[in-house]
Amino acid sequence: MRIVGTKVLDTAIRRHRELGPSIAAWLTIARIGKWKNLNELRQTWRDTDCVRGRTIFNIKGNKYRLLAIVNYTSQTVIVKELVTHAEYTKQRGWNR
């Protein structure tokens, strides 16, 4: 897969230093991935869901959520956002 939007990851690592190794692992796995669909992706990265057209990767034991658009045809992952689990829940209004 080709990864687009790595500046989002760099910014998140600057805010949350403990993310460095987890993001490095995610990047390594994503770059060698050749997934054709969500089910194939889940065989590699089990804690992944698709919500409203975005693929959500649980990072660092579900402490963080990496939101991306995965285009299986072009083999591209567009990183959109990386937030804490609490921020994700609050942004989506699921804590009401």
PDB file of N, CA and C in Angstrom:
ATOM      1  N   MET A   1       0.840  -1.182   0.000  1.00  0.00           N
ATOM      2  CA  MET A   1       0.000   0.000   0.000  1.00  0.00           C
ATOM      3  C   MET A   1       0.886   1.246   0.000  1.00  0.00           C
ATOM      4  N   ARG A   2       0.379   2.250  -0.648  1.00  0.00           N
ATOM      5  CA  ARG A   2       1.036   3.557  -0.621  1.00  0.00           C
ATOM      6  C   ARG A   2       0.332   4.370   0.465  1.00  0.00           C
ATOM      7  N   ILE A   3       1.103   5.013   1.327  1.00  0.00           N
ATOM      8  CA  ILE A   3       0.548   5.772   2.440  1.00  0.00           C
ATOM      9  C   ILE A   3       0.643   7.265   2.137  1.00  0.00           C
ATOM     10  N   VAL A   4      -0.496   7.954   2.230  1.00  0.00           N
ATOM     11  CA  VAL A   4      -0.577   9.392   1.997  1.00  0.00           C
ATOM     12  C   VAL A   4      -1.060  10.034   3.311  1.00  0.00           C
ATOM     13  N   GLY A   5      -0.500  11.186   3.642  1.00  0.00           N
ATOM     14  CA  GLY A   5      -0.946  11.895   4.837  1.00  0.00           C
ATOM     15  C   GLY A   5      -0.126  11.587   6.072  1.00  0.00           C
ATOM     16  N   THR A   6       1.128  11.256   5.871  1.00  0.00           N
ATOM     17  CA  THR A   6       1.968  10.899   7.020  1.00  0.00           C
ATOM     18  C   THR A   6       2.247  12.099   7.928  1.00  0.00           C
ATOM     19  N   LYS A   7       2.002  13.313   7.445  1.00  0.00           N
ATOM     20  CA  LYS A   7       2.162  14.486   8.331  1.00  0.00           C
ATOM     21  C   LYS A   7       1.206  14.405   9.516  1.00  0.00           C
ATOM     22  N   VAL A   8       0.041  13.827   9.302  1.00  0.00           N
ATOM     23  CA  VAL A   8      -0.915  13.630  10.396  1.00  0.00           C
ATOM     24  C   VAL A   8      -0.271  12.763  11.476  1.00  0.00           C
ATOM     25  N   LEU A   9       0.434  11.725  11.039  1.00  0.00           N
ATOM     26  CA  LEU A   9       1.092  10.821  11.990  1.00  0.00           C
ATOM     27  C   LEU A   9       2.225  11.534  12.715  1.00  0.00           C
ATOM     28  N   ASP A  10       3.012  12.303  11.982  1.00  0.00           N
ATOM     29  CA  ASP A  10       4.110  13.054  12.590  1.00  0.00           C
ATOM     30  C   ASP A  10       3.592  14.009  13.663  1.00  0.00           C
ATOM     31  N   THR A  11       2.509  14.698  13.367  1.00  0.00           N
ATOM     32  CA  THR A  11       1.912  15.634  14.326  1.00  0.00           C
ATOM     33  C   THR A  11       1.430  14.896  15.571  1.00  0.00           C
ATOM     34  N   ALA A  12       0.781  13.760  15.375  1.00  0.00           N
ATOM     35  CA  ALA A  12       0.280  12.980  16.513  1.00  0.00           C
ATOM     36  C   ALA A  12       1.435  12.483  17.384  1.00  0.00           C
ATOM     37  N   ILE A  13       2.526  12.076  16.765  1.00  0.00           N
ATOM     38  CA  ILE A  13       3.683  11.598  17.530  1.00  0.00           C
ATOM     39  C   ILE A  13       4.290  12.741  18.337  1.00  0.00           C
ATOM     40  N   ARG A  14       4.313  13.932  17.784  1.00  0.00           N
ATOM     41  CA  ARG A  14       4.829  15.081  18.544  1.00  0.00           C
ATOM     42  C   ARG A  14       3.954  15.368  19.768  1.00  0.00           C
ATOM     43  N   ARG A  15       2.653  15.183  19.626  1.00  0.00           N
ATOM     44  CA  ARG A  15       1.717  15.416  20.751  1.00  0.00           C
ATOM     45  C   ARG A  15       1.736  14.280  21.758  1.00  0.00           C
ATOM     46  N   HIS A  16       1.936  13.061  21.273  1.00  0.00           N
ATOM     47  CA  HIS A  16       1.874  11.865  22.122  1.00  0.00           C
ATOM     48  C   HIS A  16       3.116  11.014  21.842  1.00  0.00           C
ATOM     49  N   ARG A  17       4.189  11.301  22.533  1.00  0.00           N
ATOM     50  CA  ARG A  17       5.485  10.659  22.277  1.00  0.00           C
ATOM     51  C   ARG A  17       5.429   9.131  22.307  1.00  0.00           C
ATOM     52  N   GLU A  18       4.578   8.572  23.145  1.00  0.00           N
ATOM     53  CA  GLU A  18       4.510   7.110  23.271  1.00  0.00           C
ATOM     54  C   GLU A  18       3.982   6.429  22.009  1.00  0.00           C
ATOM     55  N   LEU A  19       3.463   7.210  21.065  1.00  0.00           N
ATOM     56  CA  LEU A  19       2.920   6.651  19.823  1.00  0.00           C
ATOM     57  C   LEU A  19       3.990   6.208  18.831  1.00  0.00           C
ATOM     58  N   GLY A  20       5.200   6.722  18.957  1.00  0.00           N
ATOM     59  CA  GLY A  20       6.252   6.472  17.972  1.00  0.00           C
ATOM     60  C   GLY A  20       6.394   5.023  17.537  1.00  0.00           C
ATOM     61  N   PRO A  21       6.660   4.096  18.467  1.00  0.00           N
ATOM     62  CA  PRO A  21       6.833   2.689  18.063  1.00  0.00           C
ATOM     63  C   PRO A  21       5.576   2.072  17.447  1.00  0.00           C
ATOM     64  N   SER A  22       4.416   2.429  17.961  1.00  0.00           N
ATOM     65  CA  SER A  22       3.161   1.865  17.423  1.00  0.00           C
ATOM     66  C   SER A  22       2.895   2.349  16.008  1.00  0.00           C
ATOM     67  N   ILE A  23       3.166   3.624  15.748  1.00  0.00           N
ATOM     68  CA  ILE A  23       2.969   4.164  14.399  1.00  0.00           C
ATOM     69  C   ILE A  23       4.005   3.583  13.446  1.00  0.00           C
ATOM     70  N   ALA A  24       5.235   3.423  13.912  1.00  0.00           N
ATOM     71  CA  ALA A  24       6.266   2.810  13.066  1.00  0.00           C
ATOM     72  C   ALA A  24       5.844   1.396  12.672  1.00  0.00           C
ATOM     73  N   ALA A  25       5.293   0.650  13.619  1.00  0.00           N
ATOM     74  CA  ALA A  25       4.819  -0.713  13.324  1.00  0.00           C
ATOM     75  C   ALA A  25       3.658  -0.676  12.341  1.00  0.00           C
ATOM     76  N   TRP A  26       2.705   0.243  12.551  1.00  0.00           N
ATOM     77  CA  TRP A  26       1.565   0.349  11.644  1.00  0.00           C
ATOM     78  C   TRP A  26       2.033   0.682  10.231  1.00  0.00           C
ATOM     79  N   LEU A  27       2.954   1.646  10.109  1.00  0.00           N
ATOM     80  CA  LEU A  27       3.475   2.027   8.784  1.00  0.00           C
ATOM     81  C   LEU A  27       4.146   0.842   8.089  1.00  0.00           C
ATOM     82  N   THR A  28       4.940   0.093   8.819  1.00  0.00           N
ATOM     83  CA  THR A  28       5.616  -1.070   8.233  1.00  0.00           C
ATOM     84  C   THR A  28       4.604  -2.074   7.710  1.00  0.00           C
ATOM     85  N   ILE A  29       3.606  -2.365   8.522  1.00  0.00           N
ATOM     86  CA  ILE A  29       2.576  -3.345   8.134  1.00  0.00           C
ATOM     87  C   ILE A  29       1.754  -2.824   6.955  1.00  0.00           C
ATOM     88  N   ALA A  30       1.351  -1.554   7.024  1.00  0.00           N
ATOM     89  CA  ALA A  30       0.516  -0.984   5.961  1.00  0.00           C
ATOM     90  C   ALA A  30       1.260  -0.928   4.626  1.00  0.00           C
ATOM     91  N   ARG A  31       2.531  -0.579   4.668  1.00  0.00           N
ATOM     92  CA  ARG A  31       3.295  -0.452   3.421  1.00  0.00           C
ATOM     93  C   ARG A  31       3.486  -1.783   2.705  1.00  0.00           C
ATOM     94  N   ILE A  32       3.549  -2.871   3.441  1.00  0.00           N
ATOM     95  CA  ILE A  32       3.717  -4.171   2.781  1.00  0.00           C
ATOM     96  C   ILE A  32       2.371  -4.845   2.486  1.00  0.00           C
ATOM     97  N   GLY A  33       1.282  -4.261   3.024  1.00  0.00           N
ATOM     98  CA  GLY A  33      -0.045  -4.831   2.804  1.00  0.00           C
ATOM     99  C   GLY A  33      -0.471  -4.772   1.340  1.00  0.00           C
ATOM    100  N   LYS A  34      -1.190  -5.789   0.923  1.00  0.00           N
ATOM    101  CA  LYS A  34      -1.751  -5.841  -0.429  1.00  0.00           C
ATOM    102  C   LYS A  34      -3.209  -6.296  -0.315  1.00  0.00           C
ATOM    103  N   TRP A  35      -3.933  -5.600   0.528  1.00  0.00           N
ATOM    104  CA  TRP A  35      -5.297  -5.993   0.829  1.00  0.00           C
ATOM    105  C   TRP A  35      -6.243  -5.686  -0.325  1.00  0.00           C
ATOM    106  N   LYS A  36      -7.216  -6.571  -0.510  1.00  0.00           N
ATOM    107  CA  LYS A  36      -8.225  -6.382  -1.551  1.00  0.00           C
ATOM    108  C   LYS A  36      -9.557  -5.916  -0.975  1.00  0.00           C
ATOM    109  N   ASN A  37      -9.727  -6.052   0.341  1.00  0.00           N
ATOM    110  CA  ASN A  37     -10.964  -5.653   1.001  1.00  0.00           C
ATOM    111  C   ASN A  37     -10.742  -5.613   2.517  1.00  0.00           C
ATOM    112  N   LEU A  38     -11.762  -5.184   3.242  1.00  0.00           N
ATOM    113  CA  LEU A  38     -11.656  -5.058   4.693  1.00  0.00           C
ATOM    114  C   LEU A  38     -11.379  -6.396   5.370  1.00  0.00           C
ATOM    115  N   ASN A  39     -11.985  -7.455   4.879  1.00  0.00           N
ATOM    116  CA  ASN A  39     -11.750  -8.768   5.492  1.00  0.00           C
ATOM    117  C   ASN A  39     -10.288  -9.187   5.384  1.00  0.00           C
ATOM    118  N   GLU A  40      -9.665  -8.923   4.249  1.00  0.00           N
ATOM    119  CA  GLU A  40      -8.237  -9.240   4.102  1.00  0.00           C
ATOM    120  C   GLU A  40      -7.397  -8.351   5.014  1.00  0.00           C
ATOM    121  N   LEU A  41      -7.766  -7.082   5.106  1.00  0.00           N
ATOM    122  CA  LEU A  41      -7.041  -6.171   6.000  1.00  0.00           C
ATOM    123  C   LEU A  41      -7.111  -6.679   7.431  1.00  0.00           C
ATOM    124  N   ARG A  42      -8.285  -7.134   7.860  1.00  0.00           N
ATOM    125  CA  ARG A  42      -8.464  -7.640   9.229  1.00  0.00           C
ATOM    126  C   ARG A  42      -7.634  -8.886   9.516  1.00  0.00           C
ATOM    127  N   GLN A  43      -7.248  -9.619   8.487  1.00  0.00           N
ATOM    128  CA  GLN A  43      -6.372 -10.768   8.708  1.00  0.00           C
ATOM    129  C   GLN A  43      -4.982 -10.322   9.142  1.00  0.00           C
ATOM    130  N   THR A  44      -4.616  -9.096   8.753  1.00  0.00           N
ATOM    131  CA  THR A  44      -3.327  -8.532   9.127  1.00  0.00           C
ATOM    132  C   THR A  44      -3.451  -7.649  10.365  1.00  0.00           C
ATOM    133  N   TRP A  45      -4.459  -6.770  10.384  1.00  0.00           N
ATOM    134  CA  TRP A  45      -4.656  -5.819  11.478  1.00  0.00           C
ATOM    135  C   TRP A  45      -6.064  -6.050  12.010  1.00  0.00           C
ATOM    136  N   ARG A  46      -6.155  -6.948  12.977  1.00  0.00           N
ATOM    137  CA  ARG A  46      -7.440  -7.451  13.457  1.00  0.00           C
ATOM    138  C   ARG A  46      -8.382  -6.360  13.960  1.00  0.00           C
ATOM    139  N   ASP A  47      -7.880  -5.407  14.714  1.00  0.00           N
ATOM    140  CA  ASP A  47      -8.727  -4.385  15.324  1.00  0.00           C
ATOM    141  C   ASP A  47      -8.969  -3.217  14.374  1.00  0.00           C
ATOM    142  N   THR A  48      -9.750  -3.484  13.341  1.00  0.00           N
ATOM    143  CA  THR A  48     -10.045  -2.494  12.311  1.00  0.00           C
ATOM    144  C   THR A  48     -11.535  -2.549  11.987  1.00  0.00           C
ATOM    145  N   ASP A  49     -12.121  -1.377  11.814  1.00  0.00           N
ATOM    146  CA  ASP A  49     -13.528  -1.280  11.436  1.00  0.00           C
ATOM    147  C   ASP A  49     -13.676  -0.266  10.319  1.00  0.00           C
ATOM    148  N   CYS A  50     -14.827  -0.278   9.685  1.00  0.00           N
ATOM    149  CA  CYS A  50     -15.137   0.727   8.673  1.00  0.00           C
ATOM    150  C   CYS A  50     -16.423   1.420   9.103  1.00  0.00           C
ATOM    151  N   VAL A  51     -16.335   2.749   9.279  1.00  0.00           N
ATOM    152  CA  VAL A  51     -17.480   3.540   9.714  1.00  0.00           C
ATOM    153  C   VAL A  51     -17.572   4.760   8.810  1.00  0.00           C
ATOM    154  N   ARG A  52     -18.724   4.910   8.187  1.00  0.00           N
ATOM    155  CA  ARG A  52     -18.979   6.071   7.316  1.00  0.00           C
ATOM    156  C   ARG A  52     -17.883   6.276   6.274  1.00  0.00           C
ATOM    157  N   GLY A  53     -17.445   5.198   5.663  1.00  0.00           N
ATOM    158  CA  GLY A  53     -16.463   5.275   4.590  1.00  0.00           C
ATOM    159  C   GLY A  53     -15.021   5.415   5.035  1.00  0.00           C
ATOM    160  N   ARG A  54     -14.794   5.450   6.327  1.00  0.00           N
ATOM    161  CA  ARG A  54     -13.433   5.563   6.845  1.00  0.00           C
ATOM    162  C   ARG A  54     -13.049   4.269   7.545  1.00  0.00           C
ATOM    163  N   THR A  55     -11.834   3.868   7.314  1.00  0.00           N
ATOM    164  CA  THR A  55     -11.311   2.690   7.993  1.00  0.00           C
ATOM    165  C   THR A  55     -10.664   3.171   9.280  1.00  0.00           C
ATOM    166  N   ILE A  56     -11.017   2.526  10.377  1.00  0.00           N
ATOM    167  CA  ILE A  56     -10.537   2.928  11.694  1.00  0.00           C
ATOM    168  C   ILE A  56      -9.648   1.828  12.244  1.00  0.00           C
ATOM    169  N   PHE A  57      -8.393   2.177  12.435  1.00  0.00           N
ATOM    170  CA  PHE A  57      -7.414   1.254  12.996  1.00  0.00           C
ATOM    171  C   PHE A  57      -7.262   1.566  14.480  1.00  0.00           C
ATOM    172  N   ASN A  58      -7.413   0.566  15.330  1.00  0.00           N
ATOM    173  CA  ASN A  58      -7.135   0.754  16.743  1.00  0.00           C
ATOM    174  C   ASN A  58      -5.638   0.614  16.935  1.00  0.00           C
ATOM    175  N   ILE A  59      -5.034   1.616  17.550  1.00  0.00           N
ATOM    176  CA  ILE A  59      -3.586   1.680  17.707  1.00  0.00           C
ATOM    177  C   ILE A  59      -3.239   1.667  19.195  1.00  0.00           C
ATOM    178  N   LYS A  60      -2.160   1.017  19.523  1.00  0.00           N
ATOM    179  CA  LYS A  60      -1.623   0.981  20.886  1.00  0.00           C
ATOM    180  C   LYS A  60      -2.677   0.494  21.879  1.00  0.00           C
ATOM    181  N   GLY A  61      -3.152  -0.725  21.631  1.00  0.00           N
ATOM    182  CA  GLY A  61      -4.109  -1.333  22.548  1.00  0.00           C
ATOM    183  C   GLY A  61      -5.430  -0.586  22.648  1.00  0.00           C
ATOM    184  N   ASN A  62      -5.873  -0.006  21.546  1.00  0.00           N
ATOM    185  CA  ASN A  62      -7.142   0.715  21.454  1.00  0.00           C
ATOM    186  C   ASN A  62      -7.116   2.057  22.185  1.00  0.00           C
ATOM    187  N   LYS A  63      -5.931   2.532  22.545  1.00  0.00           N
ATOM    188  CA  LYS A  63      -5.814   3.839  23.192  1.00  0.00           C
ATOM    189  C   LYS A  63      -5.976   4.967  22.170  1.00  0.00           C
ATOM    190  N   TYR A  64      -5.634   4.678  20.901  1.00  0.00           N
ATOM    191  CA  TYR A  64      -5.703   5.667  19.829  1.00  0.00           C
ATOM    192  C   TYR A  64      -6.488   5.097  18.658  1.00  0.00           C
ATOM    193  N   ARG A  65      -7.047   6.003  17.858  1.00  0.00           N
ATOM    194  CA  ARG A  65      -7.769   5.626  16.646  1.00  0.00           C
ATOM    195  C   ARG A  65      -7.143   6.349  15.461  1.00  0.00           C
ATOM    196  N   LEU A  66      -6.734   5.583  14.468  1.00  0.00           N
ATOM    197  CA  LEU A  66      -6.208   6.130  13.225  1.00  0.00           C
ATOM    198  C   LEU A  66      -7.312   6.006  12.185  1.00  0.00           C
ATOM    199  N   LEU A  67      -7.782   7.144  11.678  1.00  0.00           N
ATOM    200  CA  LEU A  67      -8.855   7.157  10.685  1.00  0.00           C
ATOM    201  C   LEU A  67      -8.253   7.393   9.312  1.00  0.00           C
ATOM    202  N   ALA A  68      -8.617   6.540   8.383  1.00  0.00           N
ATOM    203  CA  ALA A  68      -8.040   6.616   7.046  1.00  0.00           C
ATOM    204  C   ALA A  68      -9.075   6.207   6.012  1.00  0.00           C
ATOM    205  N   ILE A  69      -8.789   6.588   4.791  1.00  0.00           N
ATOM    206  CA  ILE A  69      -9.565   6.100   3.649  1.00  0.00           C
ATOM    207  C   ILE A  69      -8.671   5.095   2.940  1.00  0.00           C
ATOM    208  N   VAL A  70      -9.151   3.877   2.816  1.00  0.00           N
ATOM    209  CA  VAL A  70      -8.377   2.834   2.156  1.00  0.00           C
ATOM    210  C   VAL A  70      -8.999   2.580   0.794  1.00  0.00           C
ATOM    211  N   ASN A  71      -8.205   2.780  -0.244  1.00  0.00           N
ATOM    212  CA  ASN A  71      -8.655   2.496  -1.599  1.00  0.00           C
ATOM    213  C   ASN A  71      -7.958   1.208  -2.022  1.00  0.00           C
ATOM    214  N   TYR A  72      -8.709   0.133  -2.002  1.00  0.00           N
ATOM    215  CA  TYR A  72      -8.144  -1.186  -2.294  1.00  0.00           C
ATOM    216  C   TYR A  72      -7.745  -1.316  -3.759  1.00  0.00           C
ATOM    217  N   THR A  73      -8.452  -0.629  -4.646  1.00  0.00           N
ATOM    218  CA  THR A  73      -8.152  -0.704  -6.071  1.00  0.00           C
ATOM    219  C   THR A  73      -6.803  -0.071  -6.390  1.00  0.00           C
ATOM    220  N   SER A  74      -6.580   1.139  -5.857  1.00  0.00           N
ATOM    221  CA  SER A  74      -5.311   1.827  -6.136  1.00  0.00           C
ATOM    222  C   SER A  74      -4.224   1.488  -5.119  1.00  0.00           C
ATOM    223  N   GLN A  75      -4.583   0.659  -4.122  1.00  0.00           N
ATOM    224  CA  GLN A  75      -3.637   0.256  -3.079  1.00  0.00           C
ATOM    225  C   GLN A  75      -3.061   1.478  -2.359  1.00  0.00           C
ATOM    226  N   THR A  76      -3.970   2.364  -1.936  1.00  0.00           N
ATOM    227  CA  THR A  76      -3.589   3.602  -1.270  1.00  0.00           C
ATOM    228  C   THR A  76      -4.324   3.742   0.058  1.00  0.00           C
ATOM    229  N   VAL A  77      -3.610   4.193   1.074  1.00  0.00           N
ATOM    230  CA  VAL A  77      -4.201   4.541   2.363  1.00  0.00           C
ATOM    231  C   VAL A  77      -3.988   6.035   2.559  1.00  0.00           C
ATOM    232  N   ILE A  78      -5.086   6.764   2.740  1.00  0.00           N
ATOM    233  CA  ILE A  78      -5.006   8.195   2.991  1.00  0.00           C
ATOM    234  C   ILE A  78      -5.309   8.414   4.470  1.00  0.00           C
ATOM    235  N   VAL A  79      -4.287   8.783   5.225  1.00  0.00           N
ATOM    236  CA  VAL A  79      -4.444   9.028   6.658  1.00  0.00           C
ATOM    237  C   VAL A  79      -5.144  10.368   6.836  1.00  0.00           C
ATOM    238  N   LYS A  80      -6.248  10.368   7.557  1.00  0.00           N
ATOM    239  CA  LYS A  80      -7.026  11.579   7.760  1.00  0.00           C
ATOM    240  C   LYS A  80      -6.858  12.151   9.161  1.00  0.00           C
ATOM    241  N   GLU A  81      -6.759  11.274  10.152  1.00  0.00           N
ATOM    242  CA  GLU A  81      -6.789  11.752  11.525  1.00  0.00           C
ATOM    243  C   GLU A  81      -6.234  10.666  12.440  1.00  0.00           C
ATOM    244  N   LEU A  82      -5.590  11.084  13.522  1.00  0.00           N
ATOM    245  CA  LEU A  82      -5.165  10.158  14.565  1.00  0.00           C
ATOM    246  C   LEU A  82      -5.480  10.824  15.892  1.00  0.00           C
ATOM    247  N   VAL A  83      -6.405  10.224  16.636  1.00  0.00           N
ATOM    248  CA  VAL A  83      -6.892  10.820  17.882  1.00  0.00           C
ATOM    249  C   VAL A  83      -6.903   9.763  18.986  1.00  0.00           C
ATOM    250  N   THR A  84      -6.997  10.237  20.225  1.00  0.00           N
ATOM    251  CA  THR A  84      -7.153   9.290  21.327  1.00  0.00           C
ATOM    252  C   THR A  84      -8.535   8.666  21.234  1.00  0.00           C
ATOM    253  N   HIS A  85      -8.691   7.549  21.907  1.00  0.00           N
ATOM    254  CA  HIS A  85      -9.991   6.887  21.938  1.00  0.00           C
ATOM    255  C   HIS A  85     -11.044   7.842  22.522  1.00  0.00           C
ATOM    256  N   ALA A  86     -10.681   8.554  23.584  1.00  0.00           N
ATOM    257  CA  ALA A  86     -11.615   9.490  24.220  1.00  0.00           C
ATOM    258  C   ALA A  86     -11.994  10.626  23.273  1.00  0.00           C
ATOM    259  N   GLU A  87     -11.024  11.164  22.538  1.00  0.00           N
ATOM    260  CA  GLU A  87     -11.315  12.233  21.571  1.00  0.00           C
ATOM    261  C   GLU A  87     -12.241  11.723  20.476  1.00  0.00           C
ATOM    262  N   TYR A  88     -12.000  10.525  20.008  1.00  0.00           N
ATOM    263  CA  TYR A  88     -12.826   9.929  18.957  1.00  0.00           C
ATOM    264  C   TYR A  88     -14.274   9.795  19.431  1.00  0.00           C
ATOM    265  N   THR A  89     -14.439   9.285  20.636  1.00  0.00           N
ATOM    266  CA  THR A  89     -15.775   9.092  21.190  1.00  0.00           C
ATOM    267  C   THR A  89     -16.488  10.433  21.358  1.00  0.00           C
ATOM    268  N   LYS A  90     -15.773  11.431  21.867  1.00  0.00           N
ATOM    269  CA  LYS A  90     -16.362  12.752  22.077  1.00  0.00           C
ATOM    270  C   LYS A  90     -16.730  13.413  20.751  1.00  0.00           C
ATOM    271  N   GLN A  91     -15.832  13.339  19.754  1.00  0.00           N
ATOM    272  CA  GLN A  91     -16.089  13.951  18.447  1.00  0.00           C
ATOM    273  C   GLN A  91     -17.321  13.359  17.779  1.00  0.00           C
ATOM    274  N   ARG A  92     -17.520  12.082  17.971  1.00  0.00           N
ATOM    275  CA  ARG A  92     -18.622  11.391  17.310  1.00  0.00           C
ATOM    276  C   ARG A  92     -19.918  11.491  18.113  1.00  0.00           C
ATOM    277  N   GLY A  93     -19.843  12.078  19.309  1.00  0.00           N
ATOM    278  CA  GLY A  93     -21.046  12.223  20.128  1.00  0.00           C
ATOM    279  C   GLY A  93     -21.557  10.918  20.689  1.00  0.00           C
ATOM    280  N   TRP A  94     -20.667   9.932  20.836  1.00  0.00           N
ATOM    281  CA  TRP A  94     -21.098   8.616  21.312  1.00  0.00           C
ATOM    282  C   TRP A  94     -21.023   8.477  22.820  1.00  0.00           C
ATOM    283  N   ASN A  95     -20.687   9.561  23.508  1.00  0.00           N
ATOM    284  CA  ASN A  95     -20.598   9.483  24.959  1.00  0.00           C
ATOM    285  C   ASN A  95     -21.830  10.097  25.631  1.00  0.00           C
ATOM    286  N   ARG A  96     -22.852  10.313  24.864  1.00  0.00           N
ATOM    287  CA  ARG A  96     -24.075  10.932  25.416  1.00  0.00           C
ATOM    288  C   ARG A  96     -25.031   9.890  25.911  1.00  0.00           C
TER     289      ARG A  96
END
